[in-house]
Amino acid sequence: MEEVHMKRNHWALRGALISAALLAYAAASPASAQVSIKVLSNRADLISGGDALVEVAAPSGLNINPVYIPAFIKATIDGAPVPPGTLALRNDGRIYGLLTGLKNGDNVLAVRTPAGGAKITITNHPISGPVFSGGAQLQPWICATKA
């Protein structure tokens, strides 16, 4: 009977140590170990014409096989699946995708990976304005160059 209690205590101790190690690892993980989405073609609130080039940044420790990107990253826009092949692993190790057919107004891009997920709201405007032309251009519009 005493041997059974010792075995149970041994396994309980092992479980506690493993849990503590996992918690310590999670706490020590840098913020860059998060999944993030960047809109590359313009600010996320200034997209026009229905297209946006995006990058999905996954934690650097993830081993991503380019053949399995559609299985690795699940992406949706307003809950509808992004077509397979839209997001692809490039030669530089970054994951890019050209989103097309965005509706005018807010579009929520959500991605899910084994490392977690992220969301971003992409606001699309008509190609006719007001982003680049028209009487109601969006502000602030800053053009800055180094002297």
Protein backbone atom coordinates (compact mmCIF):
# COMPACT_ATOMS: atom_id res chain seq x y z
CA MET A 1 0.00 0.00 0.00
CA GLU A 2 2.81 2.36 0.89
CA GLU A 3 4.46 1.61 -2.47
CA VAL A 4 1.30 2.72 -4.32
CA HIS A 5 1.29 6.05 -2.44
CA MET A 6 4.98 6.57 -3.24
CA LYS A 7 4.30 5.95 -6.97
CA ARG A 8 1.36 8.37 -6.91
CA ASN A 9 3.47 11.00 -5.16
CA HIS A 10 6.26 10.44 -7.68
CA TRP A 11 3.87 11.02 -10.62
CA ALA A 12 2.28 14.02 -8.91
CA LEU A 13 5.72 15.55 -8.40
CA ARG A 14 6.64 14.90 -12.04
CA GLY A 15 3.41 16.54 -13.20
CA ALA A 16 4.01 19.57 -10.99
CA LEU A 17 7.58 19.96 -12.28
CA ILE A 18 6.49 19.68 -15.91
CA SER A 19 3.70 22.23 -15.33
CA ALA A 20 6.14 24.62 -13.65
CA ALA A 21 8.62 24.24 -16.52
CA LEU A 22 5.92 24.95 -19.12
CA LEU A 23 4.72 28.01 -17.24
CA ALA A 24 8.28 29.31 -16.93
CA TYR A 25 8.85 28.74 -20.65
CA ALA A 26 5.63 30.55 -21.55
CA ALA A 27 6.50 33.48 -19.29
CA ALA A 28 10.00 33.72 -20.73
CA SER A 29 8.81 33.66 -24.36
CA PRO A 30 9.40 37.03 -26.01
CA ALA A 31 6.51 39.09 -27.34
CA SER A 32 7.85 38.44 -30.86
CA ALA A 33 6.77 34.82 -30.42
CA GLN A 34 3.21 35.91 -31.24
CA VAL A 35 1.43 35.57 -34.54
CA SER A 36 0.85 38.96 -36.17
CA ILE A 37 -0.58 40.37 -39.38
CA LYS A 38 0.83 43.36 -41.26
CA VAL A 39 -0.78 45.12 -44.19
CA LEU A 40 2.11 45.93 -46.55
CA SER A 41 0.39 47.72 -49.42
CA ASN A 42 -0.79 50.68 -47.32
CA ARG A 43 -2.08 51.47 -43.84
CA ALA A 44 -4.82 49.01 -42.92
CA ASP A 45 -7.38 51.84 -42.82
CA LEU A 46 -6.38 53.25 -46.23
CA ILE A 47 -6.78 50.33 -48.63
CA SER A 48 -8.48 51.08 -51.95
CA GLY A 49 -9.65 49.11 -54.94
CA GLY A 50 -10.37 45.89 -53.06
CA ASP A 51 -6.81 44.50 -52.90
CA ALA A 52 -4.35 44.36 -50.01
CA LEU A 53 -0.92 42.75 -49.73
CA VAL A 54 -0.50 41.24 -46.27
CA GLU A 55 2.18 39.43 -44.31
CA VAL A 56 1.50 36.85 -41.60
CA ALA A 57 4.40 36.76 -39.16
CA ALA A 58 4.65 33.48 -37.26
CA PRO A 59 7.06 32.84 -34.38
CA SER A 60 10.58 32.17 -35.65
CA GLY A 61 10.79 28.78 -33.94
CA LEU A 62 8.00 27.27 -36.03
CA ASN A 63 9.11 24.86 -38.73
CA ILE A 64 6.92 25.71 -41.71
CA ASN A 65 6.83 23.42 -44.73
CA PRO A 66 5.72 25.49 -47.76
CA VAL A 67 3.73 22.55 -49.12
CA TYR A 68 1.50 22.58 -46.06
CA ILE A 69 0.81 26.33 -45.71
CA PRO A 70 -2.97 25.87 -46.32
CA ALA A 71 -3.09 23.30 -43.51
CA PHE A 72 -0.76 25.31 -41.26
CA ILE A 73 -2.51 28.69 -41.55
CA LYS A 74 -6.28 28.99 -41.53
CA ALA A 75 -7.32 32.45 -42.74
CA THR A 76 -10.76 34.01 -43.01
CA ILE A 77 -12.15 37.38 -44.07
CA ASP A 78 -15.33 38.20 -42.17
CA GLY A 79 -15.63 34.48 -41.38
CA ALA A 80 -15.35 33.28 -45.00
CA PRO A 81 -12.29 31.12 -45.79
CA VAL A 82 -9.49 32.77 -47.77
CA PRO A 83 -8.94 30.73 -50.96
CA PRO A 84 -6.17 28.08 -50.74
CA GLY A 85 -2.89 29.33 -52.15
CA THR A 86 -3.54 32.97 -51.24
CA LEU A 87 -0.96 32.85 -48.45
CA ALA A 88 2.41 31.42 -49.43
CA LEU A 89 5.84 31.01 -47.88
CA ARG A 90 8.33 33.08 -49.87
CA ASN A 91 12.02 32.38 -50.40
CA ASP A 92 12.90 34.94 -47.74
CA GLY A 93 10.97 32.92 -45.14
CA ARG A 94 8.08 35.36 -44.92
CA ILE A 95 4.43 34.48 -45.51
CA TYR A 96 2.74 36.86 -47.95
CA GLY A 97 -0.68 36.95 -49.53
CA LEU A 98 -2.59 39.21 -51.89
CA LEU A 99 -6.16 39.56 -50.68
CA THR A 100 -8.54 40.44 -53.50
CA GLY A 101 -12.22 41.25 -53.66
CA LEU A 102 -12.38 43.15 -50.36
CA LYS A 103 -15.75 44.85 -49.88
CA ASN A 104 -15.95 48.60 -49.29
CA GLY A 105 -15.77 49.27 -45.57
CA ASP A 106 -14.32 47.10 -42.82
CA ASN A 107 -13.02 43.59 -43.57
CA VAL A 108 -11.74 41.50 -40.65
CA LEU A 109 -8.84 39.23 -41.58
CA ALA A 110 -8.31 36.49 -39.00
CA VAL A 111 -5.51 33.91 -39.08
CA ARG A 112 -5.00 30.84 -36.93
CA THR A 113 -1.80 28.80 -36.66
CA PRO A 114 -0.62 26.12 -34.23
CA ALA A 115 1.17 28.97 -32.39
CA GLY A 116 -1.96 31.09 -31.97
CA GLY A 117 -3.92 33.58 -33.98
CA ALA A 118 -4.34 37.23 -34.84
CA LYS A 119 -6.93 39.59 -36.33
CA ILE A 120 -6.74 42.88 -38.16
CA THR A 121 -9.43 45.14 -39.60
CA ILE A 122 -8.72 46.24 -43.17
CA THR A 123 -10.81 49.21 -44.30
CA ASN A 124 -11.28 49.25 -48.07
CA HIS A 125 -12.31 52.38 -49.95
CA PRO A 126 -13.54 52.74 -53.55
CA ILE A 127 -10.81 53.12 -56.17
CA SER A 128 -12.39 56.49 -57.10
CA GLY A 129 -11.57 58.01 -53.70
CA PRO A 130 -11.32 59.40 -51.10
CA VAL A 131 -7.89 57.83 -50.42
CA PHE A 132 -6.01 59.47 -53.31
CA SER A 133 -8.54 61.79 -54.87
CA GLY A 134 -11.87 63.44 -54.35
CA GLY A 135 -13.12 66.28 -52.22
CA ALA A 136 -13.04 64.31 -48.96
CA GLN A 137 -9.51 62.93 -48.81
CA LEU A 138 -8.82 60.99 -45.64
CA GLN A 139 -6.57 62.64 -43.08
CA PRO A 140 -3.90 62.72 -41.86
CA TRP A 141 -1.99 62.53 -45.10
CA ILE A 142 1.69 63.08 -44.36
CA CYS A 143 4.51 63.02 -46.86
CA ALA A 144 7.84 63.20 -45.09
CA THR A 145 11.34 62.93 -46.52
CA LYS A 146 14.72 63.24 -44.88
CA ALA A 147 16.54 66.48 -45.70
